Amino acid sequence: MIVEIISPDKIIYNGSCKIVQLPGVDGSFEILNNHAPLISILDKGQIRILDEKDHELFFPVKGGVIEVLNNTVKILAE
């Protein structure tokens, strides 16, 4: 699946991955390939991405919104 993390200033990450773990307002959750469509609010915490080469990437966020649709994950983060 394709993941984009966008801040107000720039695109922080854009690439393929296997897993995205996110800090939701009701607890952490993860997105896998072929996930159902979703829109959710993020809390302060850390986004964890496991890319196609099994490298872990971490991005701190103060909050934001996530949209999942057709194996594309768009994260608007603060």
PDB file of N, CA and C in Angstrom:
ATOM      1  N   MET A   1       0.840  -1.178   0.000  1.00  0.00           N
ATOM      2  CA  MET A   1       0.000   0.000   0.000  1.00  0.00           C
ATOM      3  C   MET A   1       0.883   1.239   0.000  1.00  0.00           C
ATOM      4  N   ILE A   2       0.335   2.333  -0.448  1.00  0.00           N
ATOM      5  CA  ILE A   2       1.057   3.604  -0.525  1.00  0.00           C
ATOM      6  C   ILE A   2       0.686   4.458   0.688  1.00  0.00           C
ATOM      7  N   VAL A   3       1.694   5.062   1.308  1.00  0.00           N
ATOM      8  CA  VAL A   3       1.475   5.917   2.473  1.00  0.00           C
ATOM      9  C   VAL A   3       2.045   7.301   2.200  1.00  0.00           C
ATOM     10  N   GLU A   4       1.243   8.317   2.505  1.00  0.00           N
ATOM     11  CA  GLU A   4       1.693   9.712   2.441  1.00  0.00           C
ATOM     12  C   GLU A   4       1.474  10.341   3.808  1.00  0.00           C
ATOM     13  N   ILE A   5       2.523  10.947   4.347  1.00  0.00           N
ATOM     14  CA  ILE A   5       2.403  11.726   5.579  1.00  0.00           C
ATOM     15  C   ILE A   5       2.684  13.169   5.190  1.00  0.00           C
ATOM     16  N   ILE A   6       1.695  14.027   5.412  1.00  0.00           N
ATOM     17  CA  ILE A   6       1.795  15.419   4.985  1.00  0.00           C
ATOM     18  C   ILE A   6       1.633  16.327   6.192  1.00  0.00           C
ATOM     19  N   SER A   7       2.582  17.251   6.357  1.00  0.00           N
ATOM     20  CA  SER A   7       2.484  18.264   7.410  1.00  0.00           C
ATOM     21  C   SER A   7       2.042  19.571   6.737  1.00  0.00           C
ATOM     22  N   PRO A   8       1.733  20.600   7.505  1.00  0.00           N
ATOM     23  CA  PRO A   8       1.375  21.882   6.881  1.00  0.00           C
ATOM     24  C   PRO A   8       2.495  22.459   6.010  1.00  0.00           C
ATOM     25  N   ASP A   9       3.748  22.081   6.283  1.00  0.00           N
ATOM     26  CA  ASP A   9       4.882  22.653   5.572  1.00  0.00           C
ATOM     27  C   ASP A   9       5.351  21.845   4.376  1.00  0.00           C
ATOM     28  N   LYS A  10       5.262  20.499   4.474  1.00  0.00           N
ATOM     29  CA  LYS A  10       5.874  19.671   3.428  1.00  0.00           C
ATOM     30  C   LYS A  10       5.353  18.241   3.494  1.00  0.00           C
ATOM     31  N   ILE A  11       5.731  17.449   2.496  1.00  0.00           N
ATOM     32  CA  ILE A  11       5.463  16.016   2.506  1.00  0.00           C
ATOM     33  C   ILE A  11       6.591  15.360   3.304  1.00  0.00           C
ATOM     34  N   ILE A  12       6.244  14.681   4.378  1.00  0.00           N
ATOM     35  CA  ILE A  12       7.231  14.072   5.264  1.00  0.00           C
ATOM     36  C   ILE A  12       7.643  12.695   4.769  1.00  0.00           C
ATOM     37  N   TYR A  13       6.666  11.934   4.252  1.00  0.00           N
ATOM     38  CA  TYR A  13       6.959  10.587   3.761  1.00  0.00           C
ATOM     39  C   TYR A  13       5.987  10.266   2.628  1.00  0.00           C
ATOM     40  N   ASN A  14       6.500   9.578   1.608  1.00  0.00           N
ATOM     41  CA  ASN A  14       5.675   9.099   0.513  1.00  0.00           C
ATOM     42  C   ASN A  14       6.316   7.819  -0.012  1.00  0.00           C
ATOM     43  N   GLY A  15       5.685   6.672   0.203  1.00  0.00           N
ATOM     44  CA  GLY A  15       6.266   5.426  -0.249  1.00  0.00           C
ATOM     45  C   GLY A  15       5.384   4.229   0.043  1.00  0.00           C
ATOM     46  N   SER A  16       5.875   3.057  -0.343  1.00  0.00           N
ATOM     47  CA  SER A  16       5.159   1.799  -0.117  1.00  0.00           C
ATOM     48  C   SER A  16       5.510   1.226   1.243  1.00  0.00           C
ATOM     49  N   CYS A  17       4.556   0.528   1.836  1.00  0.00           N
ATOM     50  CA  CYS A  17       4.828  -0.111   3.118  1.00  0.00           C
ATOM     51  C   CYS A  17       3.935  -1.316   3.312  1.00  0.00           C
ATOM     52  N   LYS A  18       4.246  -2.096   4.342  1.00  0.00           N
ATOM     53  CA  LYS A  18       3.476  -3.283   4.705  1.00  0.00           C
ATOM     54  C   LYS A  18       2.489  -2.982   5.833  1.00  0.00           C
ATOM     55  N   ILE A  19       2.954  -2.205   6.824  1.00  0.00           N
ATOM     56  CA  ILE A  19       2.162  -1.925   8.026  1.00  0.00           C
ATOM     57  C   ILE A  19       2.338  -0.460   8.418  1.00  0.00           C
ATOM     58  N   VAL A  20       1.243   0.156   8.868  1.00  0.00           N
ATOM     59  CA  VAL A  20       1.294   1.498   9.459  1.00  0.00           C
ATOM     60  C   VAL A  20       0.616   1.401  10.816  1.00  0.00           C
ATOM     61  N   GLN A  21       1.331   1.786  11.879  1.00  0.00           N
ATOM     62  CA  GLN A  21       0.747   1.826  13.221  1.00  0.00           C
ATOM     63  C   GLN A  21       0.604   3.286  13.626  1.00  0.00           C
ATOM     64  N   LEU A  22      -0.573   3.613  14.184  1.00  0.00           N
ATOM     65  CA  LEU A  22      -0.917   5.005  14.444  1.00  0.00           C
ATOM     66  C   LEU A  22      -1.476   5.211  15.842  1.00  0.00           C
ATOM     67  N   PRO A  23      -1.264   6.413  16.414  1.00  0.00           N
ATOM     68  CA  PRO A  23      -1.849   6.736  17.724  1.00  0.00           C
ATOM     69  C   PRO A  23      -3.240   7.346  17.555  1.00  0.00           C
ATOM     70  N   GLY A  24      -4.277   6.559  17.679  1.00  0.00           N
ATOM     71  CA  GLY A  24      -5.648   7.069  17.573  1.00  0.00           C
ATOM     72  C   GLY A  24      -6.095   7.696  18.876  1.00  0.00           C
ATOM     73  N   VAL A  25      -7.153   8.490  18.818  1.00  0.00           N
ATOM     74  CA  VAL A  25      -7.660   9.128  20.037  1.00  0.00           C
ATOM     75  C   VAL A  25      -8.260   8.107  21.008  1.00  0.00           C
ATOM     76  N   ASP A  26      -8.682   6.953  20.493  1.00  0.00           N
ATOM     77  CA  ASP A  26      -9.221   5.892  21.356  1.00  0.00           C
ATOM     78  C   ASP A  26      -8.242   4.747  21.547  1.00  0.00           C
ATOM     79  N   GLY A  27      -6.976   4.975  21.226  1.00  0.00           N
ATOM     80  CA  GLY A  27      -5.949   3.944  21.350  1.00  0.00           C
ATOM     81  C   GLY A  27      -5.245   3.724  20.023  1.00  0.00           C
ATOM     82  N   SER A  28      -4.129   3.046  20.067  1.00  0.00           N
ATOM     83  CA  SER A  28      -3.360   2.829  18.849  1.00  0.00           C
ATOM     84  C   SER A  28      -4.036   1.775  17.973  1.00  0.00           C
ATOM     85  N   PHE A  29      -3.786   1.897  16.664  1.00  0.00           N
ATOM     86  CA  PHE A  29      -4.333   0.937  15.715  1.00  0.00           C
ATOM     87  C   PHE A  29      -3.366   0.813  14.545  1.00  0.00           C
ATOM     88  N   GLU A  30      -3.579  -0.210  13.702  1.00  0.00           N
ATOM     89  CA  GLU A  30      -2.694  -0.388  12.565  1.00  0.00           C
ATOM     90  C   GLU A  30      -3.491  -0.642  11.296  1.00  0.00           C
ATOM     91  N   ILE A  31      -2.860  -0.315  10.190  1.00  0.00           N
ATOM     92  CA  ILE A  31      -3.431  -0.469   8.868  1.00  0.00           C
ATOM     93  C   ILE A  31      -2.565  -1.461   8.097  1.00  0.00           C
ATOM     94  N   LEU A  32      -3.221  -2.448   7.492  1.00  0.00           N
ATOM     95  CA  LEU A  32      -2.544  -3.427   6.647  1.00  0.00           C
ATOM     96  C   LEU A  32      -3.064  -3.294   5.222  1.00  0.00           C
ATOM     97  N   ASN A  33      -2.435  -3.995   4.296  1.00  0.00           N
ATOM     98  CA  ASN A  33      -2.869  -3.994   2.906  1.00  0.00           C
ATOM     99  C   ASN A  33      -4.333  -4.436   2.806  1.00  0.00           C
ATOM    100  N   ASN A  34      -5.079  -3.839   1.898  1.00  0.00           N
ATOM    101  CA  ASN A  34      -6.499  -4.133   1.652  1.00  0.00           C
ATOM    102  C   ASN A  34      -7.401  -3.811   2.843  1.00  0.00           C
ATOM    103  N   HIS A  35      -7.026  -2.834   3.644  1.00  0.00           N
ATOM    104  CA  HIS A  35      -7.845  -2.403   4.778  1.00  0.00           C
ATOM    105  C   HIS A  35      -9.131  -1.757   4.264  1.00  0.00           C
ATOM    106  N   ALA A  36     -10.183  -1.876   5.025  1.00  0.00           N
ATOM    107  CA  ALA A  36     -11.456  -1.234   4.687  1.00  0.00           C
ATOM    108  C   ALA A  36     -11.295   0.283   4.701  1.00  0.00           C
ATOM    109  N   PRO A  37     -12.111   1.007   3.931  1.00  0.00           N
ATOM    110  CA  PRO A  37     -12.055   2.471   3.959  1.00  0.00           C
ATOM    111  C   PRO A  37     -12.247   2.999   5.381  1.00  0.00           C
ATOM    112  N   LEU A  38     -11.509   4.059   5.703  1.00  0.00           N
ATOM    113  CA  LEU A  38     -11.501   4.566   7.073  1.00  0.00           C
ATOM    114  C   LEU A  38     -11.114   6.035   7.082  1.00  0.00           C
ATOM    115  N   ILE A  39     -11.752   6.789   7.966  1.00  0.00           N
ATOM    116  CA  ILE A  39     -11.321   8.144   8.300  1.00  0.00           C
ATOM    117  C   ILE A  39     -11.299   8.204   9.819  1.00  0.00           C
ATOM    118  N   SER A  40     -10.175   8.690  10.391  1.00  0.00           N
ATOM    119  CA  SER A  40     -10.045   8.716  11.845  1.00  0.00           C
ATOM    120  C   SER A  40      -9.186   9.902  12.274  1.00  0.00           C
ATOM    121  N   ILE A  41      -9.272  10.224  13.560  1.00  0.00           N
ATOM    122  CA  ILE A  41      -8.485  11.310  14.147  1.00  0.00           C
ATOM    123  C   ILE A  41      -7.312  10.710  14.906  1.00  0.00           C
ATOM    124  N   LEU A  42      -6.153  11.355  14.775  1.00  0.00           N
ATOM    125  CA  LEU A  42      -4.951  10.896  15.462  1.00  0.00           C
ATOM    126  C   LEU A  42      -4.688  11.733  16.695  1.00  0.00           C
ATOM    127  N   ASP A  43      -4.070  11.098  17.667  1.00  0.00           N
ATOM    128  CA  ASP A  43      -3.676  11.754  18.911  1.00  0.00           C
ATOM    129  C   ASP A  43      -2.167  12.001  18.867  1.00  0.00           C
ATOM    130  N   LYS A  44      -1.660  12.660  19.877  1.00  0.00           N
ATOM    131  CA  LYS A  44      -0.218  12.856  19.998  1.00  0.00           C
ATOM    132  C   LYS A  44       0.450  11.499  20.190  1.00  0.00           C
ATOM    133  N   GLY A  45       1.545  11.281  19.491  1.00  0.00           N
ATOM    134  CA  GLY A  45       2.258  10.013  19.607  1.00  0.00           C
ATOM    135  C   GLY A  45       3.222   9.825  18.456  1.00  0.00           C
ATOM    136  N   GLN A  46       3.363   8.586  18.038  1.00  0.00           N
ATOM    137  CA  GLN A  46       4.354   8.239  17.023  1.00  0.00           C
ATOM    138  C   GLN A  46       3.728   7.330  15.967  1.00  0.00           C
ATOM    139  N   ILE A  47       3.977   7.654  14.705  1.00  0.00           N
ATOM    140  CA  ILE A  47       3.564   6.788  13.603  1.00  0.00           C
ATOM    141  C   ILE A  47       4.725   5.841  13.324  1.00  0.00           C
ATOM    142  N   ARG A  48       4.419   4.556  13.218  1.00  0.00           N
ATOM    143  CA  ARG A  48       5.433   3.545  12.882  1.00  0.00           C
ATOM    144  C   ARG A  48       5.080   2.950  11.534  1.00  0.00           C
ATOM    145  N   ILE A  49       6.046   2.941  10.637  1.00  0.00           N
ATOM    146  CA  ILE A  49       5.867   2.362   9.309  1.00  0.00           C
ATOM    147  C   ILE A  49       6.878   1.241   9.133  1.00  0.00           C
ATOM    148  N   LEU A  50       6.406   0.097   8.651  1.00  0.00           N
ATOM    149  CA  LEU A  50       7.278  -1.003   8.254  1.00  0.00           C
ATOM    150  C   LEU A  50       7.247  -1.028   6.729  1.00  0.00           C
ATOM    151  N   ASP A  51       8.368  -0.641   6.111  1.00  0.00           N
ATOM    152  CA  ASP A  51       8.375  -0.529   4.654  1.00  0.00           C
ATOM    153  C   ASP A  51       8.538  -1.889   3.982  1.00  0.00           C
ATOM    154  N   GLU A  52       8.570  -1.890   2.668  1.00  0.00           N
ATOM    155  CA  GLU A  52       8.646  -3.128   1.886  1.00  0.00           C
ATOM    156  C   GLU A  52       9.931  -3.919   2.134  1.00  0.00           C
ATOM    157  N   LYS A  53      10.985  -3.245   2.602  1.00  0.00           N
ATOM    158  CA  LYS A  53      12.264  -3.908   2.887  1.00  0.00           C
ATOM    159  C   LYS A  53      12.410  -4.227   4.370  1.00  0.00           C
ATOM    160  N   ASP A  54      11.305  -4.182   5.116  1.00  0.00           N
ATOM    161  CA  ASP A  54      11.258  -4.459   6.555  1.00  0.00           C
ATOM    162  C   ASP A  54      12.067  -3.481   7.403  1.00  0.00           C
ATOM    163  N   HIS A  55      12.236  -2.245   6.916  1.00  0.00           N
ATOM    164  CA  HIS A  55      12.850  -1.185   7.720  1.00  0.00           C
ATOM    165  C   HIS A  55      11.747  -0.470   8.494  1.00  0.00           C
ATOM    166  N   GLU A  56      12.013  -0.199   9.766  1.00  0.00           N
ATOM    167  CA  GLU A  56      11.072   0.544  10.589  1.00  0.00           C
ATOM    168  C   GLU A  56      11.385   2.028  10.502  1.00  0.00           C
ATOM    169  N   LEU A  57      10.349   2.816  10.297  1.00  0.00           N
ATOM    170  CA  LEU A  57      10.473   4.274  10.267  1.00  0.00           C
ATOM    171  C   LEU A  57       9.509   4.834  11.301  1.00  0.00           C
ATOM    172  N   PHE A  58       9.948   5.872  12.035  1.00  0.00           N
ATOM    173  CA  PHE A  58       9.123   6.471  13.076  1.00  0.00           C
ATOM    174  C   PHE A  58       8.979   7.968  12.817  1.00  0.00           C
ATOM    175  N   PHE A  59       7.741   8.469  12.990  1.00  0.00           N
ATOM    176  CA  PHE A  59       7.456   9.880  12.778  1.00  0.00           C
ATOM    177  C   PHE A  59       6.614  10.388  13.950  1.00  0.00           C
ATOM    178  N   PRO A  60       7.130  11.321  14.752  1.00  0.00           N
ATOM    179  CA  PRO A  60       6.329  11.866  15.850  1.00  0.00           C
ATOM    180  C   PRO A  60       5.248  12.812  15.314  1.00  0.00           C
ATOM    181  N   VAL A  61       4.065  12.754  15.916  1.00  0.00           N
ATOM    182  CA  VAL A  61       2.968  13.644  15.518  1.00  0.00           C
ATOM    183  C   VAL A  61       2.304  14.224  16.764  1.00  0.00           C
ATOM    184  N   LYS A  62       1.730  15.416  16.607  1.00  0.00           N
ATOM    185  CA  LYS A  62       0.991  16.052  17.693  1.00  0.00           C
ATOM    186  C   LYS A  62      -0.503  15.839  17.538  1.00  0.00           C
ATOM    187  N   GLY A  63      -0.896  15.198  16.443  1.00  0.00           N
ATOM    188  CA  GLY A  63      -2.301  14.953  16.135  1.00  0.00           C
ATOM    189  C   GLY A  63      -2.467  14.963  14.630  1.00  0.00           C
ATOM    190  N   GLY A  64      -3.701  14.760  14.179  1.00  0.00           N
ATOM    191  CA  GLY A  64      -3.951  14.797  12.751  1.00  0.00           C
ATOM    192  C   GLY A  64      -5.154  13.970  12.356  1.00  0.00           C
ATOM    193  N   VAL A  65      -5.233  13.705  11.043  1.00  0.00           N
ATOM    194  CA  VAL A  65      -6.345  12.955  10.459  1.00  0.00           C
ATOM    195  C   VAL A  65      -5.771  11.929   9.494  1.00  0.00           C
ATOM    196  N   ILE A  66      -6.392  10.748   9.431  1.00  0.00           N
ATOM    197  CA  ILE A  66      -5.978   9.706   8.503  1.00  0.00           C
ATOM    198  C   ILE A  66      -7.160   9.311   7.635  1.00  0.00           C
ATOM    199  N   GLU A  67      -6.857   9.067   6.352  1.00  0.00           N
ATOM    200  CA  GLU A  67      -7.850   8.532   5.428  1.00  0.00           C
ATOM    201  C   GLU A  67      -7.244   7.302   4.760  1.00  0.00           C
ATOM    202  N   VAL A  68      -7.997   6.196   4.741  1.00  0.00           N
ATOM    203  CA  VAL A  68      -7.572   4.970   4.069  1.00  0.00           C
ATOM    204  C   VAL A  68      -8.595   4.679   2.985  1.00  0.00           C
ATOM    205  N   LEU A  69      -8.123   4.522   1.739  1.00  0.00           N
ATOM    206  CA  LEU A  69      -9.012   4.236   0.625  1.00  0.00           C
ATOM    207  C   LEU A  69      -8.219   3.596  -0.506  1.00  0.00           C
ATOM    208  N   ASN A  70      -8.650   2.430  -0.960  1.00  0.00           N
ATOM    209  CA  ASN A  70      -8.031   1.743  -2.104  1.00  0.00           C
ATOM    210  C   ASN A  70      -6.518   1.557  -1.944  1.00  0.00           C
ATOM    211  N   ASN A  71      -6.091   1.021  -0.810  1.00  0.00           N
ATOM    212  CA  ASN A  71      -4.680   0.772  -0.506  1.00  0.00           C
ATOM    213  C   ASN A  71      -3.816   2.030  -0.544  1.00  0.00           C
ATOM    214  N   THR A  72      -4.429   3.170  -0.289  1.00  0.00           N
ATOM    215  CA  THR A  72      -3.701   4.423  -0.140  1.00  0.00           C
ATOM    216  C   THR A  72      -4.034   5.000   1.233  1.00  0.00           C
ATOM    217  N   VAL A  73      -2.986   5.309   1.993  1.00  0.00           N
ATOM    218  CA  VAL A  73      -3.149   5.868   3.332  1.00  0.00           C
ATOM    219  C   VAL A  73      -2.621   7.305   3.284  1.00  0.00           C
ATOM    220  N   LYS A  74      -3.506   8.263   3.550  1.00  0.00           N
ATOM    221  CA  LYS A  74      -3.108   9.673   3.590  1.00  0.00           C
ATOM    222  C   LYS A  74      -3.234  10.154   5.031  1.00  0.00           C
ATOM    223  N   ILE A  75      -2.128  10.699   5.543  1.00  0.00           N
ATOM    224  CA  ILE A  75      -2.095  11.189   6.913  1.00  0.00           C
ATOM    225  C   ILE A  75      -1.767  12.673   6.875  1.00  0.00           C
ATOM    226  N   LEU A  76      -2.689  13.485   7.384  1.00  0.00           N
ATOM    227  CA  LEU A  76      -2.455  14.910   7.543  1.00  0.00           C
ATOM    228  C   LEU A  76      -2.073  15.119   8.998  1.00  0.00           C
ATOM    229  N   ALA A  77      -0.793  15.423   9.226  1.00  0.00           N
ATOM    230  CA  ALA A  77      -0.258  15.428  10.593  1.00  0.00           C
ATOM    231  C   ALA A  77       0.249  16.809  10.996  1.00  0.00           C
ATOM    232  N   GLU A  78       0.190  17.056  12.303  1.00  0.00           N
ATOM    233  CA  GLU A  78       0.778  18.269  12.885  1.00  0.00           C
ATOM    234  C   GLU A  78       2.152  17.941  13.406  1.00  0.00           C
TER     235      GLU A  78
END
